[in-house]
All heavy atoms as atom14 arrays in JSON, in Angstrom:
{
  "sequence": "LLQFASIKALVMVAVVYGAGQVLESLYLTPRLVGERIGL",
  "atom14_mask": [
    [1, 1, 1, 1, 1, 1, 1, 1, 0, 0, 0, 0, 0, 0],
    [1, 1, 1, 1, 1, 1, 1, 1, 0, 0, 0, 0, 0, 0],
    [1, 1, 1, 1, 1, 1, 1, 1, 1, 0, 0, 0, 0, 0],
    [1, 1, 1, 1, 1, 1, 1, 1, 1, 1, 1, 0, 0, 0],
    [1, 1, 1, 1, 1, 0, 0, 0, 0, 0, 0, 0, 0, 0],
    [1, 1, 1, 1, 1, 1, 0, 0, 0, 0, 0, 0, 0, 0],
    [1, 1, 1, 1, 1, 1, 1, 1, 0, 0, 0, 0, 0, 0],
    [1, 1, 1, 1, 1, 1, 1, 1, 1, 0, 0, 0, 0, 0],
    [1, 1, 1, 1, 1, 0, 0, 0, 0, 0, 0, 0, 0, 0],
    [1, 1, 1, 1, 1, 1, 1, 1, 0, 0, 0, 0, 0, 0],
    [1, 1, 1, 1, 1, 1, 1, 0, 0, 0, 0, 0, 0, 0],
    [1, 1, 1, 1, 1, 1, 1, 1, 0, 0, 0, 0, 0, 0],
    [1, 1, 1, 1, 1, 1, 1, 0, 0, 0, 0, 0, 0, 0],
    [1, 1, 1, 1, 1, 0, 0, 0, 0, 0, 0, 0, 0, 0],
    [1, 1, 1, 1, 1, 1, 1, 0, 0, 0, 0, 0, 0, 0],
    [1, 1, 1, 1, 1, 1, 1, 0, 0, 0, 0, 0, 0, 0],
    [1, 1, 1, 1, 1, 1, 1, 1, 1, 1, 1, 1, 0, 0],
    [1, 1, 1, 1, 0, 0, 0, 0, 0, 0, 0, 0, 0, 0],
    [1, 1, 1, 1, 1, 0, 0, 0, 0, 0, 0, 0, 0, 0],
    [1, 1, 1, 1, 0, 0, 0, 0, 0, 0, 0, 0, 0, 0],
    [1, 1, 1, 1, 1, 1, 1, 1, 1, 0, 0, 0, 0, 0],
    [1, 1, 1, 1, 1, 1, 1, 0, 0, 0, 0, 0, 0, 0],
    [1, 1, 1, 1, 1, 1, 1, 1, 0, 0, 0, 0, 0, 0],
    [1, 1, 1, 1, 1, 1, 1, 1, 1, 0, 0, 0, 0, 0],
    [1, 1, 1, 1, 1, 1, 0, 0, 0, 0, 0, 0, 0, 0],
    [1, 1, 1, 1, 1, 1, 1, 1, 0, 0, 0, 0, 0, 0],
    [1, 1, 1, 1, 1, 1, 1, 1, 1, 1, 1, 1, 0, 0],
    [1, 1, 1, 1, 1, 1, 1, 1, 0, 0, 0, 0, 0, 0],
    [1, 1, 1, 1, 1, 1, 1, 0, 0, 0, 0, 0, 0, 0],
    [1, 1, 1, 1, 1, 1, 1, 0, 0, 0, 0, 0, 0, 0],
    [1, 1, 1, 1, 1, 1, 1, 1, 1, 1, 1, 0, 0, 0],
    [1, 1, 1, 1, 1, 1, 1, 1, 0, 0, 0, 0, 0, 0],
    [1, 1, 1, 1, 1, 1, 1, 0, 0, 0, 0, 0, 0, 0],
    [1, 1, 1, 1, 0, 0, 0, 0, 0, 0, 0, 0, 0, 0],
    [1, 1, 1, 1, 1, 1, 1, 1, 1, 0, 0, 0, 0, 0],
    [1, 1, 1, 1, 1, 1, 1, 1, 1, 1, 1, 0, 0, 0],
    [1, 1, 1, 1, 1, 1, 1, 1, 0, 0, 0, 0, 0, 0],
    [1, 1, 1, 1, 0, 0, 0, 0, 0, 0, 0, 0, 0, 0],
    [1, 1, 1, 1, 1, 1, 1, 1, 0, 0, 0, 0, 0, 0]
  ],
  "atom14_positions": [
    [[-17.44, 2.27, 1.25], [-18.53, 3.25, 1.03], [-19.89, 2.64, 1.35], [-20.73, 3.28, 1.95], [-18.5, 3.73, -0.44], [-17.38, 4.7, -0.83], [-17.42, 4.98, -2.29], [-17.49, 5.99, 0.0], [0.0, 0.0, 0.0], [0.0, 0.0, 0.0], [0.0, 0.0, 0.0], [0.0, 0.0, 0.0], [0.0, 0.0, 0.0], [0.0, 0.0, 0.0]],
    [[-20.08, 1.36, 1.01], [-21.33, 0.72, 1.28], [-21.52, 0.43, 2.77], [-22.69, 0.47, 3.24], [-21.47, -0.56, 0.46], [-21.55, -0.38, -1.07], [-21.59, -1.75, -1.74], [-22.81, 0.37, -1.42], [0.0, 0.0, 0.0], [0.0, 0.0, 0.0], [0.0, 0.0, 0.0], [0.0, 0.0, 0.0], [0.0, 0.0, 0.0], [0.0, 0.0, 0.0]],
    [[-20.44, 0.12, 3.49], [-20.61, -0.17, 4.89], [-20.66, 1.07, 5.77], [-21.51, 1.17, 6.64], [-19.42, -1.1, 5.33], [-19.55, -1.44, 6.87], [-18.42, -2.37, 7.26], [-17.84, -3.1, 6.49], [-18.06, -2.33, 8.56], [0.0, 0.0, 0.0], [0.0, 0.0, 0.0], [0.0, 0.0, 0.0], [0.0, 0.0, 0.0], [0.0, 0.0, 0.0]],
    [[-19.73, 2.0, 5.48], [-19.63, 3.19, 6.4], [-20.47, 4.36, 5.86], [-20.96, 5.15, 6.63], [-18.21, 3.6, 6.57], [-17.31, 2.51, 7.06], [-16.13, 2.14, 6.37], [-17.56, 1.8, 8.22], [-15.33, 1.13, 6.82], [-16.79, 0.81, 8.72], [-15.63, 0.48, 7.97], [0.0, 0.0, 0.0], [0.0, 0.0, 0.0], [0.0, 0.0, 0.0]],
    [[-20.59, 4.49, 4.52], [-21.34, 5.56, 3.88], [-20.83, 6.93, 4.4], [-21.64, 7.83, 4.68], [-22.82, 5.41, 4.14], [0.0, 0.0, 0.0], [0.0, 0.0, 0.0], [0.0, 0.0, 0.0], [0.0, 0.0, 0.0], [0.0, 0.0, 0.0], [0.0, 0.0, 0.0], [0.0, 0.0, 0.0], [0.0, 0.0, 0.0], [0.0, 0.0, 0.0]],
    [[-19.5, 7.01, 4.56], [-18.91, 8.28, 5.09], [-17.52, 8.43, 4.59], [-16.97, 7.57, 3.91], [-18.97, 8.33, 6.62], [-18.07, 7.33, 7.17], [0.0, 0.0, 0.0], [0.0, 0.0, 0.0], [0.0, 0.0, 0.0], [0.0, 0.0, 0.0], [0.0, 0.0, 0.0], [0.0, 0.0, 0.0], [0.0, 0.0, 0.0], [0.0, 0.0, 0.0]],
    [[-16.93, 9.54, 4.99], [-15.51, 9.78, 4.6], [-14.56, 8.8, 5.17], [-13.42, 8.67, 4.74], [-15.12, 11.21, 5.04], [-13.86, 11.69, 4.33], [-14.96, 11.3, 6.56], [-14.02, 11.85, 2.84], [0.0, 0.0, 0.0], [0.0, 0.0, 0.0], [0.0, 0.0, 0.0], [0.0, 0.0, 0.0], [0.0, 0.0, 0.0], [0.0, 0.0, 0.0]],
    [[-15.01, 8.01, 6.23], [-14.16, 7.04, 6.84], [-13.66, 5.99, 5.83], [-12.55, 5.49, 5.93], [-14.91, 6.3, 7.96], [-14.12, 5.25, 8.66], [-14.95, 4.55, 9.74], [-14.14, 3.44, 10.4], [-14.88, 2.73, 11.46], [0.0, 0.0, 0.0], [0.0, 0.0, 0.0], [0.0, 0.0, 0.0], [0.0, 0.0, 0.0], [0.0, 0.0, 0.0]],
    [[-14.49, 5.69, 4.84], [-14.09, 4.71, 3.82], [-12.88, 5.16, 3.05], [-11.92, 4.44, 2.81], [-15.29, 4.44, 2.85], [0.0, 0.0, 0.0], [0.0, 0.0, 0.0], [0.0, 0.0, 0.0], [0.0, 0.0, 0.0], [0.0, 0.0, 0.0], [0.0, 0.0, 0.0], [0.0, 0.0, 0.0], [0.0, 0.0, 0.0], [0.0, 0.0, 0.0]],
    [[-12.87, 6.43, 2.64], [-11.76, 6.97, 1.86], [-10.53, 7.11, 2.72], [-9.4, 6.86, 2.26], [-12.15, 8.35, 1.31], [-13.37, 8.33, 0.33], [-13.61, 9.78, -0.17], [-13.12, 7.4, -0.83], [0.0, 0.0, 0.0], [0.0, 0.0, 0.0], [0.0, 0.0, 0.0], [0.0, 0.0, 0.0], [0.0, 0.0, 0.0], [0.0, 0.0, 0.0]],
    [[-10.69, 7.51, 4.0], [-9.56, 7.54, 4.94], [-8.94, 6.16, 5.12], [-7.74, 5.97, 5.08], [-9.98, 8.12, 6.27], [-8.84, 8.06, 7.32], [-10.44, 9.59, 6.11], [0.0, 0.0, 0.0], [0.0, 0.0, 0.0], [0.0, 0.0, 0.0], [0.0, 0.0, 0.0], [0.0, 0.0, 0.0], [0.0, 0.0, 0.0], [0.0, 0.0, 0.0]],
    [[-9.79, 5.17, 5.27], [-9.33, 3.76, 5.45], [-8.49, 3.35, 4.25], [-7.39, 2.81, 4.42], [-10.53, 2.85, 5.63], [-10.18, 1.4, 5.64], [-11.65, 0.31, 5.56], [-12.14, 0.63, 3.82], [0.0, 0.0, 0.0], [0.0, 0.0, 0.0], [0.0, 0.0, 0.0], [0.0, 0.0, 0.0], [0.0, 0.0, 0.0], [0.0, 0.0, 0.0]],
    [[-9.02, 3.56, 3.07], [-8.34, 3.12, 1.86], [-7.01, 3.89, 1.7], [-5.96, 3.32, 1.33], [-9.22, 3.33, 0.64], [-8.43, 3.08, -0.67], [-10.4, 2.31, 0.7], [0.0, 0.0, 0.0], [0.0, 0.0, 0.0], [0.0, 0.0, 0.0], [0.0, 0.0, 0.0], [0.0, 0.0, 0.0], [0.0, 0.0, 0.0], [0.0, 0.0, 0.0]],
    [[-7.07, 5.21, 1.93], [-5.84, 6.03, 1.79], [-4.77, 5.58, 2.71], [-3.59, 5.48, 2.36], [-6.18, 7.5, 2.0], [0.0, 0.0, 0.0], [0.0, 0.0, 0.0], [0.0, 0.0, 0.0], [0.0, 0.0, 0.0], [0.0, 0.0, 0.0], [0.0, 0.0, 0.0], [0.0, 0.0, 0.0], [0.0, 0.0, 0.0], [0.0, 0.0, 0.0]],
    [[-5.1, 5.28, 3.98], [-4.12, 4.91, 4.98], [-3.57, 3.52, 4.68], [-2.33, 3.32, 4.61], [-4.75, 5.0, 6.38], [-3.74, 4.37, 7.4], [-5.03, 6.41, 6.75], [0.0, 0.0, 0.0], [0.0, 0.0, 0.0], [0.0, 0.0, 0.0], [0.0, 0.0, 0.0], [0.0, 0.0, 0.0], [0.0, 0.0, 0.0], [0.0, 0.0, 0.0]],
    [[-4.46, 2.56, 4.54], [-4.05, 1.15, 4.41], [-3.36, 0.92, 3.1], [-2.21, 0.37, 3.08], [-5.25, 0.18, 4.55], [-4.87, -1.24, 4.3], [-5.9, 0.34, 5.94], [0.0, 0.0, 0.0], [0.0, 0.0, 0.0], [0.0, 0.0, 0.0], [0.0, 0.0, 0.0], [0.0, 0.0, 0.0], [0.0, 0.0, 0.0], [0.0, 0.0, 0.0]],
    [[-3.91, 1.35, 2.01], [-3.35, 1.1, 0.68], [-2.12, 1.97, 0.39], [-1.18, 1.61, -0.27], [-4.39, 1.19, -0.4], [-5.28, -0.07, -0.45], [-6.32, -0.27, 0.44], [-5.03, -1.02, -1.42], [-7.06, -1.42, 0.42], [-5.82, -2.13, -1.45], [-6.86, -2.38, -0.57], [-7.61, -3.48, -0.57], [0.0, 0.0, 0.0], [0.0, 0.0, 0.0]],
    [[-2.18, 3.23, 0.97], [-1.02, 4.06, 0.79], [0.17, 3.53, 1.57], [1.29, 3.45, 1.03], [0.0, 0.0, 0.0], [0.0, 0.0, 0.0], [0.0, 0.0, 0.0], [0.0, 0.0, 0.0], [0.0, 0.0, 0.0], [0.0, 0.0, 0.0], [0.0, 0.0, 0.0], [0.0, 0.0, 0.0], [0.0, 0.0, 0.0], [0.0, 0.0, 0.0]],
    [[0.0, 3.13, 2.84], [1.04, 2.55, 3.59], [1.52, 1.2, 2.96], [2.73, 0.9, 2.98], [0.58, 2.28, 5.05], [0.0, 0.0, 0.0], [0.0, 0.0, 0.0], [0.0, 0.0, 0.0], [0.0, 0.0, 0.0], [0.0, 0.0, 0.0], [0.0, 0.0, 0.0], [0.0, 0.0, 0.0], [0.0, 0.0, 0.0], [0.0, 0.0, 0.0]],
    [[0.59, 0.42, 2.43], [0.93, -0.8, 1.76], [1.86, -0.58, 0.56], [2.81, -1.33, 0.36], [0.0, 0.0, 0.0], [0.0, 0.0, 0.0], [0.0, 0.0, 0.0], [0.0, 0.0, 0.0], [0.0, 0.0, 0.0], [0.0, 0.0, 0.0], [0.0, 0.0, 0.0], [0.0, 0.0, 0.0], [0.0, 0.0, 0.0], [0.0, 0.0, 0.0]],
    [[1.55, 0.41, -0.25], [2.36, 0.71, -1.4], [3.76, 1.14, -0.99], [4.77, 0.74, -1.61], [1.72, 1.8, -2.25], [0.72, 1.3, -3.23], [1.35, 0.47, -4.34], [1.43, -0.75, -4.19], [1.79, 1.07, -5.37], [0.0, 0.0, 0.0], [0.0, 0.0, 0.0], [0.0, 0.0, 0.0], [0.0, 0.0, 0.0], [0.0, 0.0, 0.0]],
    [[3.87, 1.95, 0.06], [5.19, 2.4, 0.55], [5.96, 1.19, 1.05], [7.17, 1.01, 0.71], [5.0, 3.47, 1.63], [6.33, 3.75, 2.27], [4.41, 4.72, 1.09], [0.0, 0.0, 0.0], [0.0, 0.0, 0.0], [0.0, 0.0, 0.0], [0.0, 0.0, 0.0], [0.0, 0.0, 0.0], [0.0, 0.0, 0.0], [0.0, 0.0, 0.0]],
    [[5.33, 0.34, 1.81], [5.97, -0.82, 2.39], [6.48, -1.76, 1.28], [7.6, -2.25, 1.31], [5.04, -1.59, 3.31], [5.54, -2.91, 3.94], [6.72, -2.67, 4.84], [4.42, -3.6, 4.68], [0.0, 0.0, 0.0], [0.0, 0.0, 0.0], [0.0, 0.0, 0.0], [0.0, 0.0, 0.0], [0.0, 0.0, 0.0], [0.0, 0.0, 0.0]],
    [[5.61, -2.02, 0.29], [5.92, -2.95, -0.78], [7.0, -2.42, -1.71], [7.91, -3.16, -2.04], [4.65, -3.29, -1.54], [4.85, -4.35, -2.61], [5.08, -3.74, -3.95], [4.64, -2.61, -4.22], [5.83, -4.4, -4.79], [0.0, 0.0, 0.0], [0.0, 0.0, 0.0], [0.0, 0.0, 0.0], [0.0, 0.0, 0.0], [0.0, 0.0, 0.0]],
    [[6.88, -1.19, -2.12], [7.79, -0.63, -3.17], [9.12, -0.25, -2.6], [10.17, -0.34, -3.27], [7.13, 0.56, -3.86], [6.79, 1.57, -2.95], [0.0, 0.0, 0.0], [0.0, 0.0, 0.0], [0.0, 0.0, 0.0], [0.0, 0.0, 0.0], [0.0, 0.0, 0.0], [0.0, 0.0, 0.0], [0.0, 0.0, 0.0], [0.0, 0.0, 0.0]],
    [[9.14, 0.28, -1.35], [10.4, 0.78, -0.8], [11.19, -0.2, 0.05], [12.38, -0.04, 0.31], [10.15, 2.07, 0.03], [9.55, 3.25, -0.72], [9.42, 4.48, 0.23], [10.41, 3.62, -1.92], [0.0, 0.0, 0.0], [0.0, 0.0, 0.0], [0.0, 0.0, 0.0], [0.0, 0.0, 0.0], [0.0, 0.0, 0.0], [0.0, 0.0, 0.0]],
    [[10.5, -1.24, 0.54], [11.21, -2.2, 1.43], [11.11, -3.61, 0.97], [12.14, -4.31, 0.75], [10.65, -2.06, 2.84], [11.37, -2.96, 3.84], [12.63, -2.63, 4.34], [10.81, -4.16, 4.23], [13.26, -3.47, 5.24], [11.38, -5.0, 5.13], [12.67, -4.67, 5.62], [13.32, -5.5, 6.5], [0.0, 0.0, 0.0], [0.0, 0.0, 0.0]],
    [[9.88, -4.17, 0.8], [9.69, -5.6, 0.57], [10.25, -6.0, -0.77], [11.04, -6.96, -0.87], [8.23, -5.97, 0.66], [7.63, -5.92, 2.05], [6.15, -6.29, 1.96], [8.32, -6.86, 2.97], [0.0, 0.0, 0.0], [0.0, 0.0, 0.0], [0.0, 0.0, 0.0], [0.0, 0.0, 0.0], [0.0, 0.0, 0.0], [0.0, 0.0, 0.0]],
    [[9.86, -5.31, -1.88], [10.33, -5.72, -3.19], [11.88, -5.57, -3.34], [12.49, -6.53, -3.82], [9.6, -4.88, -4.26], [8.22, -5.16, -4.23], [10.14, -5.24, -5.65], [0.0, 0.0, 0.0], [0.0, 0.0, 0.0], [0.0, 0.0, 0.0], [0.0, 0.0, 0.0], [0.0, 0.0, 0.0], [0.0, 0.0, 0.0], [0.0, 0.0, 0.0]],
    [[12.48, -4.47, -2.94], [13.97, -4.44, -3.03], [14.59, -5.5, -2.16], [15.66, -6.04, -2.53], [14.3, -3.01, -2.54], [13.07, -2.25, -2.78], [11.91, -3.14, -2.56], [0.0, 0.0, 0.0], [0.0, 0.0, 0.0], [0.0, 0.0, 0.0], [0.0, 0.0, 0.0], [0.0, 0.0, 0.0], [0.0, 0.0, 0.0], [0.0, 0.0, 0.0]],
    [[14.03, -5.8, -1.0], [14.63, -6.73, -0.06], [14.44, -8.18, -0.52], [15.4, -8.98, -0.5], [14.01, -6.56, 1.3], [14.68, -5.49, 2.16], [15.85, -6.06, 2.89], [16.34, -5.16, 3.89], [17.12, -5.55, 4.91], [17.43, -6.81, 4.99], [17.56, -4.69, 5.8], [0.0, 0.0, 0.0], [0.0, 0.0, 0.0], [0.0, 0.0, 0.0]],
    [[13.23, -8.56, -0.87], [12.89, -9.92, -1.12], [13.05, -10.33, -2.6], [13.47, -11.44, -2.89], [11.43, -10.2, -0.68], [11.17, -9.97, 0.83], [9.71, -10.21, 1.16], [12.06, -10.83, 1.67], [0.0, 0.0, 0.0], [0.0, 0.0, 0.0], [0.0, 0.0, 0.0], [0.0, 0.0, 0.0], [0.0, 0.0, 0.0], [0.0, 0.0, 0.0]],
    [[12.63, -9.42, -3.52], [12.83, -9.78, -4.93], [14.27, -9.44, -5.39], [14.81, -10.18, -6.13], [11.8, -8.95, -5.78], [11.98, -9.25, -7.26], [10.4, -9.29, -5.36], [0.0, 0.0, 0.0], [0.0, 0.0, 0.0], [0.0, 0.0, 0.0], [0.0, 0.0, 0.0], [0.0, 0.0, 0.0], [0.0, 0.0, 0.0], [0.0, 0.0, 0.0]],
    [[14.82, -8.39, -4.86], [16.24, -8.13, -5.09], [16.48, -7.07, -6.18], [15.72, -7.0, -7.15], [0.0, 0.0, 0.0], [0.0, 0.0, 0.0], [0.0, 0.0, 0.0], [0.0, 0.0, 0.0], [0.0, 0.0, 0.0], [0.0, 0.0, 0.0], [0.0, 0.0, 0.0], [0.0, 0.0, 0.0], [0.0, 0.0, 0.0], [0.0, 0.0, 0.0]],
    [[17.52, -6.32, -6.01], [17.89, -5.29, -6.99], [18.29, -5.93, -8.3], [18.23, -5.29, -9.35], [19.08, -4.49, -6.41], [18.79, -3.71, -5.2], [17.75, -2.6, -5.43], [17.65, -2.21, -6.58], [17.15, -2.15, -4.48], [0.0, 0.0, 0.0], [0.0, 0.0, 0.0], [0.0, 0.0, 0.0], [0.0, 0.0, 0.0], [0.0, 0.0, 0.0]],
    [[18.69, -7.21, -8.27], [19.16, -7.82, -9.49], [18.05, -7.94, -10.55], [18.27, -7.95, -11.73], [19.71, -9.2, -9.14], [20.36, -9.88, -10.31], [21.03, -11.13, -9.87], [21.73, -11.74, -10.96], [22.47, -12.85, -10.83], [22.56, -13.46, -9.7], [23.1, -13.39, -11.87], [0.0, 0.0, 0.0], [0.0, 0.0, 0.0], [0.0, 0.0, 0.0]],
    [[16.82, -8.08, -10.06], [15.69, -8.28, -10.97], [14.96, -6.98, -11.2], [14.24, -6.82, -12.18], [14.71, -9.33, -10.47], [15.48, -10.59, -10.22], [13.55, -9.6, -11.38], [14.67, -11.67, -9.6], [0.0, 0.0, 0.0], [0.0, 0.0, 0.0], [0.0, 0.0, 0.0], [0.0, 0.0, 0.0], [0.0, 0.0, 0.0], [0.0, 0.0, 0.0]],
    [[15.11, -6.02, -10.28], [14.28, -4.82, -10.3], [14.29, -4.1, -11.61], [15.3, -3.47, -11.96], [0.0, 0.0, 0.0], [0.0, 0.0, 0.0], [0.0, 0.0, 0.0], [0.0, 0.0, 0.0], [0.0, 0.0, 0.0], [0.0, 0.0, 0.0], [0.0, 0.0, 0.0], [0.0, 0.0, 0.0], [0.0, 0.0, 0.0], [0.0, 0.0, 0.0]],
    [[13.21, -4.21, -12.36], [13.07, -3.48, -13.57], [12.53, -2.06, -13.33], [11.8, -1.89, -12.37], [12.09, -4.21, -14.51], [12.53, -5.63, -15.03], [11.32, -6.29, -15.68], [13.68, -5.52, -15.94], [0.0, 0.0, 0.0], [0.0, 0.0, 0.0], [0.0, 0.0, 0.0], [0.0, 0.0, 0.0], [0.0, 0.0, 0.0], [0.0, 0.0, 0.0]]
  ]
}
C-alpha cells in the first residue's frame, strides 16, 4: 500500500499469499512433513 498506493497491492498479496497457502497446505506439508504427523 505504501509503495503502490493502489489496488495493485491487494492483488499482489492475494495472488502471492493465496497461491503460497495452497502450495504449502495441499502439497508441501503433506509431502515433506508427512501424513504421519499431520494434525
